[in-house]
Amino acid sequence: MPYRTVRWWLLNLSLATLLFLSLINLWPRIYGIPRPSSLTYPEGWNAYHTATILQGGKPYAAVPQLVAVNYPPLFWELVALLSRQPGDIVTTGRLVSLVSLLLTASLVGIIAFCSGGSKTAGLLASLLLLTWMSSAAGGYMVTNEPQMLAHALVCGGLLAYLTIGSSSGGLLLASALFCLALFVKNNVIAVPLAVSLHLLIFSRRYLLRWVLFTALNASVLLAFVLVHDGTLFLRCLLVPRSYDLGEALHGIRAFVDPFQVPLVVAAIWCCYSLRDSRKSLFVAMLVISLAVAAVFRGGGGTNLNMFFDAVISLALICSLAFADLVAPLAGRPLAGSLLALAPLFLCIWPLTRLGPSVLRPVLHGRQLAAVSESEYVAGVDFLKSHPGPAICETMRLCFDAGKPLVYDPYYVRELVKIGRIRDSEIATSIEERRYSTIQFDKRLDLPADIGGRLYFSDALMRAIQQNYTVGLTTSSYVLLVPKGDSDTVAR
């Protein structure tokens, strides 16, 4: 068989494998879009704030005591606009997240192609991003969460800058998209910073226009939010968070482990690309995104999403490195064949994870979903049967049960960590049995499981044990009611 044919088949096999890995990891989430369940903690939290806008309220009209409102509002605004009623919010948010993920991957491929790569390199960039995101950060994919919408806007701004950024209109469009992204999720600052640095070094005559456009766009968006969503926006957005250096180091390690091969490839490529004005932008993106993520990863409430800008940078750099090697290795059969298999080496970590735990949700998705849905509906029905405010670790349960948002377990834990509130104050509300129901994730066997709760201290768990008893248990949830509640039905 001719060498070129062999290389063509190997390359297409590699790309098909990446597509397969992406579908395997994403399919359970896609299948579950309309289903009553909660995939992550923020799904219910975002649903509450979206419902506030949908019902004509202003999320930043007041500073709640035990509830955080520390996201920008544009994701909530979009989901509210697309939802007919509160019951549609989570499904709509998941659809927006899915479309945003696919749009981000498509834009990354176009950026790679427009930056000197081939069509194959563009396809590789898109598939690398989908594979890495779906395998290493699946918890943020296809959920009612604004992260991927923000990255789609950032990639749109980056594409505008690279293609038409030499004109005032192009700079204005890029700036507008970056500002929109920051008003969707305020942690996507790495790419705008890299573009600003790139202009400072290579195009200073455009820098003043860039600064003015950015100030104009940010001012317009800020004015809109202050008028439409509440005057306490900045105060709510800038609520203090705890910081843990150990958590930052743990987060860095959690990112490096699955991305060791891409990071090595990117480091080598960056050393050879610093003097190229266009390619140096991607070097700046990677360096700045890694620095920003490393610093802010220790903040309370952050996770692997802090590194998403770095993942996008890696997808672009690795695809451009692939394109740079195609011509030099064209006449070398062995080296060219190994290059055709490069996508597999770049995704060695997702490949090693491909096993029963990954395949089970795909092969048995319908049966697993049926069990999950029945348990979820039972939890919602139980919450509805106990009037009054409730505390939920799975916040969508409380949202679907019509419970008011009066207690955000994550935020209360943050307030305790930074000394804004004392455990004893929260314990008092537990001892006074102000909450009709308290829900925990997974099975809780009181008193054996006093410790180890993510959002509840040992002192709070002891207060809960002394004043609440199990009302309903499933394989996913346990719901507690005040002791002596005549309506309690243990199951």
Protein backbone atom coordinates (compact mmCIF):
# COMPACT_ATOMS: atom_id res chain seq x y z
CA MET A 1 0.00 0.00 0.00
CA PRO A 2 1.43 3.46 -0.90
CA TYR A 3 2.85 5.49 2.01
CA ARG A 4 0.45 8.40 1.42
CA THR A 5 -2.55 6.06 1.62
CA VAL A 6 -1.26 4.54 4.84
CA ARG A 7 -0.75 7.98 6.38
CA TRP A 8 -4.23 9.08 5.26
CA TRP A 9 -5.85 6.06 6.90
CA LEU A 10 -3.84 6.45 10.12
CA LEU A 11 -4.72 10.13 10.39
CA ASN A 12 -8.42 9.55 9.78
CA LEU A 13 -8.41 6.67 12.27
CA SER A 14 -6.86 8.98 14.87
CA LEU A 15 -9.39 11.75 14.26
CA ALA A 16 -12.27 9.25 14.29
CA THR A 17 -11.03 7.96 17.65
CA LEU A 18 -11.14 11.47 19.10
CA LEU A 19 -14.68 11.93 17.82
CA PHE A 20 -15.65 8.60 19.37
CA LEU A 21 -14.14 9.59 22.73
CA SER A 22 -16.03 12.88 22.66
CA LEU A 23 -19.34 11.21 21.90
CA ILE A 24 -18.82 8.54 24.55
CA ASN A 25 -18.24 11.16 27.24
CA LEU A 26 -20.91 13.62 26.11
CA TRP A 27 -23.74 11.27 25.20
CA PRO A 28 -25.02 10.64 28.78
CA ARG A 29 -25.21 14.40 29.31
CA ILE A 30 -26.94 15.01 25.98
CA TYR A 31 -29.39 12.18 26.64
CA GLY A 32 -30.16 13.68 30.04
CA ILE A 33 -30.84 17.27 28.89
CA PRO A 34 -34.66 17.17 29.32
CA ARG A 35 -34.68 14.78 32.27
CA PRO A 36 -35.50 15.76 35.87
CA SER A 37 -32.16 15.42 37.63
CA SER A 38 -29.34 17.55 38.94
CA LEU A 39 -25.91 17.11 37.39
CA THR A 40 -24.02 19.68 39.46
CA TYR A 41 -24.50 21.94 42.46
CA PRO A 42 -24.62 25.17 40.37
CA GLU A 43 -27.50 23.91 38.22
CA GLY A 44 -30.07 24.65 40.89
CA TRP A 45 -28.27 27.80 42.05
CA ASN A 46 -28.29 29.24 38.53
CA ALA A 47 -31.93 28.21 38.12
CA TYR A 48 -32.97 30.26 41.16
CA HIS A 49 -31.32 33.44 39.86
CA THR A 50 -32.63 32.89 36.34
CA ALA A 51 -36.13 32.49 37.75
CA THR A 52 -35.76 35.82 39.55
CA ILE A 53 -35.17 37.52 36.18
CA LEU A 54 -37.87 35.48 34.41
CA GLN A 55 -40.40 36.59 37.01
CA GLY A 56 -39.45 40.25 36.66
CA GLY A 57 -37.18 40.55 39.68
CA LYS A 58 -33.68 41.98 40.05
CA PRO A 59 -31.02 39.57 41.36
CA TYR A 60 -28.83 42.42 42.66
CA ALA A 61 -31.56 44.50 44.27
CA ALA A 62 -30.39 43.46 47.74
CA VAL A 63 -27.50 41.60 49.33
CA PRO A 64 -28.91 38.33 50.74
CA GLN A 65 -27.66 37.20 54.13
CA LEU A 66 -26.99 33.52 53.44
CA VAL A 67 -27.14 33.38 49.63
CA ALA A 68 -24.47 34.33 47.08
CA VAL A 69 -25.30 36.23 43.88
CA ASN A 70 -21.69 36.52 42.73
CA TYR A 71 -22.00 35.73 39.01
CA PRO A 72 -22.58 38.29 36.25
CA PRO A 73 -26.13 38.09 34.88
CA LEU A 74 -25.97 37.71 31.09
CA PHE A 75 -26.26 33.89 31.12
CA TRP A 76 -29.29 34.16 33.38
CA GLU A 77 -30.73 36.84 31.11
CA LEU A 78 -30.30 34.66 28.01
CA VAL A 79 -31.77 31.54 29.62
CA ALA A 80 -34.69 33.55 31.02
CA LEU A 81 -35.31 35.00 27.56
CA LEU A 82 -35.42 31.49 26.04
CA SER A 83 -37.51 29.91 28.83
CA ARG A 84 -41.28 30.12 28.93
CA GLN A 85 -41.64 29.18 32.60
CA PRO A 86 -39.39 28.31 35.58
CA GLY A 87 -39.75 24.61 34.87
CA ASP A 88 -37.95 25.08 31.54
CA ILE A 89 -34.91 26.86 32.97
CA VAL A 90 -32.55 23.95 33.61
CA THR A 91 -33.30 22.26 30.28
CA THR A 92 -32.78 25.56 28.46
CA GLY A 93 -29.54 26.19 30.32
CA ARG A 94 -28.24 22.75 29.37
CA LEU A 95 -29.09 23.34 25.72
CA VAL A 96 -27.30 26.70 25.79
CA SER A 97 -24.27 24.99 27.33
CA LEU A 98 -24.25 22.27 24.65
CA VAL A 99 -24.55 24.77 21.80
CA SER A 100 -21.83 26.88 23.42
CA LEU A 101 -19.49 23.89 23.68
CA LEU A 102 -19.98 22.98 20.01
CA LEU A 103 -19.61 26.63 18.99
CA THR A 104 -16.42 26.97 21.03
CA ALA A 105 -14.93 23.86 19.42
CA SER A 106 -15.91 25.10 15.94
CA LEU A 107 -14.40 28.54 16.56
CA VAL A 108 -11.18 27.01 17.85
CA GLY A 109 -10.92 25.01 14.62
CA ILE A 110 -11.51 28.11 12.51
CA ILE A 111 -8.92 30.07 14.51
CA ALA A 112 -6.35 27.31 13.96
CA PHE A 113 -7.08 27.29 10.22
CA CYS A 114 -6.90 31.10 9.96
CA SER A 115 -3.61 31.15 11.88
CA GLY A 116 -1.63 29.20 9.36
CA GLY A 117 -2.90 25.72 9.92
CA SER A 118 -4.53 23.46 7.35
CA LYS A 119 -8.14 22.32 7.33
CA THR A 120 -6.92 19.10 8.96
CA ALA A 121 -5.23 21.12 11.71
CA GLY A 122 -8.47 23.03 12.26
CA LEU A 123 -10.43 19.81 12.57
CA LEU A 124 -7.78 18.47 14.95
CA ALA A 125 -8.05 21.57 17.15
CA SER A 126 -11.83 21.18 17.39
CA LEU A 127 -11.66 17.48 18.22
CA LEU A 128 -8.84 17.92 20.74
CA LEU A 129 -10.89 20.51 22.60
CA LEU A 130 -14.02 18.36 22.58
CA THR A 131 -12.11 15.29 23.72
CA TRP A 132 -10.21 17.04 26.49
CA MET A 133 -13.21 18.98 27.77
CA SER A 134 -15.59 16.05 27.77
CA SER A 135 -13.16 13.66 29.47
CA ALA A 136 -11.29 15.88 31.94
CA ALA A 137 -14.01 18.44 32.71
CA GLY A 138 -17.26 16.65 31.96
CA GLY A 139 -18.93 18.16 35.01
CA TYR A 140 -19.06 21.54 33.26
CA MET A 141 -20.33 20.19 29.94
CA VAL A 142 -24.04 20.33 29.05
CA THR A 143 -25.09 21.71 32.43
CA ASN A 144 -27.08 24.77 33.44
CA GLU A 145 -23.87 26.75 33.93
CA PRO A 146 -22.46 29.82 32.10
CA GLN A 147 -18.84 28.74 31.67
CA MET A 148 -19.00 27.45 28.10
CA LEU A 149 -21.08 30.37 26.84
CA ALA A 150 -18.36 32.70 28.13
CA HIS A 151 -15.68 30.71 26.28
CA ALA A 152 -17.70 30.74 23.06
CA LEU A 153 -17.84 34.54 23.21
CA VAL A 154 -14.12 34.74 24.02
CA CYS A 155 -13.27 32.55 21.02
CA GLY A 156 -15.51 34.70 18.85
CA GLY A 157 -13.61 37.78 20.03
CA LEU A 158 -10.27 36.10 19.38
CA LEU A 159 -11.32 35.16 15.85
CA ALA A 160 -12.46 38.74 15.19
CA TYR A 161 -9.13 40.08 16.43
CA LEU A 162 -7.09 37.69 14.30
CA THR A 163 -9.06 38.20 11.10
CA ILE A 164 -10.26 41.83 11.10
CA GLY A 165 -8.43 43.26 14.10
CA SER A 166 -6.43 45.66 11.95
CA SER A 167 -9.57 47.77 11.44
CA SER A 168 -11.44 49.86 13.98
CA GLY A 169 -14.59 47.80 13.38
CA GLY A 170 -12.71 44.57 14.03
CA LEU A 171 -11.24 45.89 17.27
CA LEU A 172 -14.65 47.13 18.38
CA LEU A 173 -16.24 43.74 17.65
CA ALA A 174 -13.48 41.81 19.43
CA SER A 175 -13.70 44.11 22.44
CA ALA A 176 -17.50 43.81 22.55
CA LEU A 177 -17.37 40.01 22.50
CA PHE A 178 -14.72 39.91 25.24
CA CYS A 179 -16.77 42.26 27.42
CA LEU A 180 -19.92 40.19 26.85
CA ALA A 181 -17.97 37.09 27.90
CA LEU A 182 -16.84 38.76 31.13
CA PHE A 183 -20.45 39.70 31.90
CA VAL A 184 -21.36 36.03 31.43
CA LYS A 185 -18.57 34.62 33.63
CA ASN A 186 -15.94 36.89 35.12
CA ASN A 187 -13.08 34.36 35.17
CA VAL A 188 -12.34 34.42 31.40
CA ILE A 189 -9.76 37.21 31.58
CA ALA A 190 -6.70 35.40 30.16
CA VAL A 191 -7.41 35.84 26.44
CA PRO A 192 -8.36 39.55 26.68
CA LEU A 193 -5.15 40.12 28.65
CA ALA A 194 -3.11 38.25 26.02
CA VAL A 195 -4.65 40.32 23.22
CA SER A 196 -3.90 43.53 25.13
CA LEU A 197 -0.27 42.43 25.60
CA HIS A 198 -0.04 41.49 21.92
CA LEU A 199 -1.24 44.94 20.90
CA LEU A 200 1.20 46.59 23.30
CA ILE A 201 4.14 44.74 21.77
CA PHE A 202 3.24 44.53 18.08
CA SER A 203 0.55 47.15 17.31
CA ARG A 204 0.84 50.08 19.68
CA ARG A 205 -0.95 52.40 17.27
CA TYR A 206 -4.12 50.33 17.82
CA LEU A 207 -3.70 50.05 21.60
CA LEU A 208 -5.39 53.35 22.50
CA ARG A 209 -8.39 52.50 20.33
CA TRP A 210 -8.54 49.07 21.98
CA VAL A 211 -8.55 50.60 25.47
CA LEU A 212 -11.22 53.15 24.52
CA PHE A 213 -13.43 50.52 22.86
CA THR A 214 -13.11 48.23 25.87
CA ALA A 215 -13.97 51.05 28.29
CA LEU A 216 -16.98 51.98 26.15
CA ASN A 217 -18.29 48.42 25.88
CA ALA A 218 -17.76 47.69 29.55
CA SER A 219 -19.51 50.95 30.55
CA VAL A 220 -22.54 50.19 28.39
CA LEU A 221 -22.88 46.68 29.80
CA LEU A 222 -22.37 47.87 33.36
CA ALA A 223 -25.04 50.55 32.94
CA PHE A 224 -27.46 47.95 31.53
CA VAL A 225 -26.88 45.59 34.45
CA LEU A 226 -27.21 48.32 37.08
CA VAL A 227 -30.52 49.48 35.62
CA HIS A 228 -31.99 46.13 34.65
CA ASP A 229 -30.64 43.77 37.32
CA GLY A 230 -29.99 45.90 40.38
CA THR A 231 -27.70 48.62 41.66
CA LEU A 232 -25.79 46.32 44.03
CA PHE A 233 -24.24 44.34 41.19
CA LEU A 234 -20.62 45.17 41.96
CA ARG A 235 -21.09 44.63 45.69
CA CYS A 236 -22.63 41.21 45.07
CA LEU A 237 -20.01 40.27 42.47
CA LEU A 238 -17.07 41.15 44.71
CA VAL A 239 -18.13 39.33 47.86
CA PRO A 240 -15.01 37.99 49.62
CA ARG A 241 -13.92 34.39 49.18
CA SER A 242 -11.67 32.18 51.22
CA TYR A 243 -8.25 31.30 49.79
CA ASP A 244 -6.38 28.03 50.31
CA LEU A 245 -2.85 27.67 48.91
CA GLY A 246 -3.03 23.91 49.35
CA GLU A 247 -6.18 23.81 47.25
CA ALA A 248 -4.43 25.87 44.57
CA LEU A 249 -1.55 23.38 44.44
CA HIS A 250 -4.00 20.47 44.34
CA GLY A 251 -5.86 22.14 41.47
CA ILE A 252 -2.65 22.66 39.50
CA ARG A 253 -1.75 19.01 39.90
CA ALA A 254 -5.26 17.93 38.88
CA PHE A 255 -4.83 19.92 35.67
CA VAL A 256 -1.27 18.82 34.87
CA ASP A 257 -1.93 15.07 35.30
CA PRO A 258 -4.22 14.62 32.24
CA PHE A 259 -2.40 17.22 30.13
CA GLN A 260 1.24 16.20 30.50
CA VAL A 261 1.78 15.30 26.84
CA PRO A 262 0.04 18.41 25.41
CA LEU A 263 1.95 20.63 27.83
CA VAL A 264 5.30 19.20 26.70
CA VAL A 265 4.36 19.64 23.03
CA ALA A 266 3.18 23.20 23.70
CA ALA A 267 6.36 24.10 25.60
CA ILE A 268 8.56 22.97 22.68
CA TRP A 269 6.39 24.77 20.10
CA CYS A 270 6.37 27.98 22.15
CA CYS A 271 10.17 28.07 22.23
CA TYR A 272 10.25 28.10 18.41
CA SER A 273 7.35 30.53 17.92
CA LEU A 274 8.10 33.51 20.14
CA ARG A 275 9.42 35.65 17.28
CA ASP A 276 6.40 35.11 15.04
CA SER A 277 3.98 37.96 15.75
CA ARG A 278 0.83 35.89 15.17
CA LYS A 279 1.98 32.73 16.91
CA SER A 280 3.32 34.70 19.87
CA LEU A 281 -0.29 35.58 20.69
CA PHE A 282 -0.99 31.91 21.43
CA VAL A 283 2.18 31.71 23.53
CA ALA A 284 0.92 34.67 25.57
CA MET A 285 -2.52 33.08 25.87
CA LEU A 286 -1.07 29.87 27.29
CA VAL A 287 1.32 31.55 29.71
CA ILE A 288 -1.22 34.07 30.98
CA SER A 289 -4.02 31.50 31.27
CA LEU A 290 -1.80 29.15 33.27
CA ALA A 291 -0.65 31.98 35.54
CA VAL A 292 -4.18 33.29 36.13
CA ALA A 293 -5.52 29.79 36.82
CA ALA A 294 -2.67 28.91 39.17
CA VAL A 295 -3.25 32.05 41.24
CA PHE A 296 -7.04 31.99 41.38
CA ARG A 297 -7.51 28.23 41.71
CA GLY A 298 -7.11 28.52 45.48
CA GLY A 299 -10.18 30.74 45.76
CA GLY A 300 -13.33 29.31 47.25
CA GLY A 301 -15.73 27.90 44.67
CA THR A 302 -13.16 27.50 41.90
CA ASN A 303 -12.38 24.24 40.16
CA LEU A 304 -10.86 22.90 36.94
CA ASN A 305 -12.84 25.53 35.02
CA MET A 306 -10.12 28.02 35.92
CA PHE A 307 -7.90 26.16 33.43
CA PHE A 308 -10.34 26.14 30.49
CA ASP A 309 -8.57 29.06 28.80
CA ALA A 310 -5.36 27.03 29.04
CA VAL A 311 -7.09 23.99 27.52
CA ILE A 312 -8.26 26.13 24.58
CA SER A 313 -4.71 27.47 24.16
CA LEU A 314 -3.31 23.93 24.21
CA ALA A 315 -5.77 22.78 21.52
CA LEU A 316 -4.71 25.67 19.27
CA ILE A 317 -0.99 25.24 19.89
CA CYS A 318 -0.97 21.45 19.45
CA SER A 319 -2.91 21.68 16.18
CA LEU A 320 -0.55 24.38 14.86
CA ALA A 321 2.45 22.28 15.89
CA PHE A 322 0.93 19.41 13.91
CA ALA A 323 0.49 21.68 10.86
CA ASP A 324 4.09 22.91 11.15
CA LEU A 325 5.42 19.33 10.99
CA VAL A 326 3.36 18.05 8.05
CA ALA A 327 5.55 19.51 5.28
CA PRO A 328 8.98 18.67 6.82
CA LEU A 329 7.95 15.06 7.43
CA ALA A 330 6.12 14.54 4.14
CA GLY A 331 8.95 12.51 2.62
CA ARG A 332 9.71 10.41 5.69
CA PRO A 333 7.38 7.40 5.85
CA LEU A 334 8.03 6.39 9.47
CA ALA A 335 8.02 9.91 10.90
CA GLY A 336 4.99 10.86 8.79
CA SER A 337 3.09 7.81 10.02
CA LEU A 338 3.89 8.66 13.64
CA LEU A 339 2.71 12.22 13.03
CA ALA A 340 -0.60 10.83 11.72
CA LEU A 341 -0.97 9.07 15.08
CA ALA A 342 -0.11 12.25 17.04
CA PRO A 343 -3.78 12.95 17.95
CA LEU A 344 -3.84 9.66 19.87
CA PHE A 345 -0.67 10.54 21.79
CA LEU A 346 -2.14 13.93 22.68
CA CYS A 347 -5.22 12.16 24.06
CA ILE A 348 -3.45 9.31 25.82
CA TRP A 349 -5.09 10.18 29.15
CA PRO A 350 -8.71 9.96 27.86
CA LEU A 351 -7.79 6.72 26.09
CA THR A 352 -6.47 5.14 29.30
CA ARG A 353 -9.72 6.05 31.08
CA LEU A 354 -11.88 4.27 28.52
CA GLY A 355 -13.33 1.44 30.57
CA PRO A 356 -16.52 0.16 32.22
CA SER A 357 -17.02 3.34 34.30
CA VAL A 358 -17.09 5.44 31.11
CA LEU A 359 -19.02 3.00 28.93
CA ARG A 360 -21.67 2.01 31.50
CA PRO A 361 -23.68 5.28 31.27
CA VAL A 362 -23.71 4.91 27.47
CA LEU A 363 -24.68 1.24 27.36
CA HIS A 364 -27.19 1.37 30.21
CA GLY A 365 -28.22 5.03 30.07
CA ARG A 366 -31.96 4.40 29.87
CA GLN A 367 -32.04 2.11 32.91
CA LEU A 368 -29.79 4.37 34.98
CA ALA A 369 -31.82 7.44 34.00
CA ALA A 370 -35.07 5.73 35.02
CA VAL A 371 -33.71 5.00 38.51
CA SER A 372 -32.28 8.50 38.85
CA GLU A 373 -35.52 10.14 37.71
CA SER A 374 -37.71 8.12 40.09
CA GLU A 375 -35.47 8.99 43.03
CA TYR A 376 -35.38 12.65 42.02
CA VAL A 377 -39.16 12.88 41.72
CA ALA A 378 -39.52 11.17 45.10
CA GLY A 379 -37.21 13.75 46.63
CA VAL A 380 -39.13 16.67 45.08
CA ASP A 381 -42.46 15.22 46.23
CA PHE A 382 -41.14 14.76 49.77
CA LEU A 383 -39.93 18.37 49.90
CA LYS A 384 -43.31 19.59 48.63
CA SER A 385 -45.09 17.63 51.34
CA HIS A 386 -43.21 19.53 54.05
CA PRO A 387 -44.11 23.24 53.85
CA GLY A 388 -41.58 25.85 54.80
CA PRO A 389 -37.97 26.71 53.90
CA ALA A 390 -35.46 23.94 53.31
CA ILE A 391 -31.73 23.42 52.93
CA CYS A 392 -30.60 21.40 49.91
CA GLU A 393 -27.15 20.21 48.89
CA THR A 394 -28.78 19.37 45.55
CA MET A 395 -30.20 22.83 45.02
CA ARG A 396 -32.32 21.88 42.04
CA LEU A 397 -34.40 19.62 44.30
CA CYS A 398 -35.40 22.66 46.36
CA PHE A 399 -35.93 24.73 43.22
CA ASP A 400 -38.26 22.19 41.60
CA ALA A 401 -40.10 21.78 44.91
CA GLY A 402 -40.86 25.50 44.96
CA LYS A 403 -38.75 26.21 48.04
CA PRO A 404 -37.41 29.76 48.46
CA LEU A 405 -33.65 30.24 48.25
CA VAL A 406 -32.78 31.25 51.80
CA TYR A 407 -29.67 29.16 52.49
CA ASP A 408 -26.79 28.51 50.09
CA PRO A 409 -24.68 25.75 51.70
CA TYR A 410 -21.54 26.64 49.74
CA TYR A 411 -21.77 30.37 50.49
CA VAL A 412 -22.53 29.88 54.18
CA ARG A 413 -19.46 27.66 54.46
CA GLU A 414 -17.41 30.42 52.79
CA LEU A 415 -18.76 33.01 55.26
CA VAL A 416 -17.71 30.79 58.14
CA LYS A 417 -14.23 30.27 56.67
CA ILE A 418 -13.54 34.01 56.30
CA GLY A 419 -15.02 34.85 59.70
CA ARG A 420 -18.07 36.80 58.47
CA ILE A 421 -20.40 34.53 60.42
CA ARG A 422 -19.98 32.02 63.24
CA ASP A 423 -20.89 28.37 63.16
CA SER A 424 -22.86 28.91 66.35
CA GLU A 425 -25.22 31.34 64.60
CA ILE A 426 -26.07 28.75 61.96
CA ALA A 427 -26.30 26.02 64.58
CA THR A 428 -28.87 28.13 66.43
CA SER A 429 -31.14 28.19 63.37
CA ILE A 430 -30.80 24.41 63.17
CA GLU A 431 -31.59 23.98 66.88
CA GLU A 432 -34.64 26.20 66.45
CA ARG A 433 -35.70 23.94 63.57
CA ARG A 434 -36.34 26.82 61.18
CA TYR A 435 -36.02 24.52 58.18
CA SER A 436 -38.75 22.02 57.40
CA THR A 437 -36.35 19.73 55.52
CA ILE A 438 -32.59 19.30 55.12
CA GLN A 439 -31.34 17.33 52.11
CA PHE A 440 -27.91 15.75 51.66
CA ASP A 441 -26.38 14.13 48.61
CA LYS A 442 -25.88 10.36 48.65
CA ARG A 443 -26.71 8.10 51.53
CA LEU A 444 -26.17 9.49 55.04
CA ASP A 445 -26.12 7.13 58.00
CA LEU A 446 -26.48 9.30 61.08
CA PRO A 447 -24.62 9.47 63.39
CA ALA A 448 -21.80 7.65 61.60
CA ASP A 449 -21.47 10.29 58.86
CA ILE A 450 -21.12 13.37 61.06
CA GLY A 451 -17.82 14.44 59.51
CA GLY A 452 -16.62 14.84 55.97
CA ARG A 453 -19.46 16.94 54.54
CA LEU A 454 -18.24 19.46 51.98
CA TYR A 455 -20.58 22.30 52.93
CA PHE A 456 -21.33 21.54 56.59
CA SER A 457 -18.93 21.67 59.51
CA ASP A 458 -18.83 19.00 62.21
CA ALA A 459 -20.56 21.40 64.62
CA LEU A 460 -23.46 21.91 62.22
CA MET A 461 -23.72 18.20 61.58
CA ARG A 462 -23.94 17.56 65.33
CA ALA A 463 -26.73 20.13 65.61
CA ILE A 464 -28.53 18.47 62.71
CA GLN A 465 -28.14 15.04 64.30
CA GLN A 466 -29.60 16.25 67.59
CA ASN A 467 -32.60 18.00 66.06
CA TYR A 468 -33.43 16.19 62.80
CA THR A 469 -34.20 12.63 61.81
CA VAL A 470 -34.28 10.73 58.52
CA GLY A 471 -37.52 11.15 56.59
CA LEU A 472 -36.59 9.68 53.22
CA THR A 473 -33.56 7.86 51.87
CA THR A 474 -32.65 6.81 48.34
CA SER A 475 -29.41 5.68 46.76
CA SER A 476 -28.71 9.32 45.84
CA TYR A 477 -30.31 11.45 48.56
CA VAL A 478 -31.23 11.54 52.21
CA LEU A 479 -33.84 14.02 53.47
CA LEU A 480 -34.12 14.92 57.13
CA VAL A 481 -37.06 16.45 59.00
CA PRO A 482 -37.29 17.90 62.53
CA LYS A 483 -37.58 15.27 65.22
CA GLY A 484 -41.16 14.78 66.31
CA ASP A 485 -42.56 15.82 62.92
CA SER A 486 -45.82 13.94 62.72
CA ASP A 487 -45.63 13.82 58.93
CA THR A 488 -42.32 11.97 58.89
CA VAL A 489 -42.42 8.71 56.97
CA ALA A 490 -39.14 6.82 57.19
CA ARG A 491 -38.36 4.70 54.15
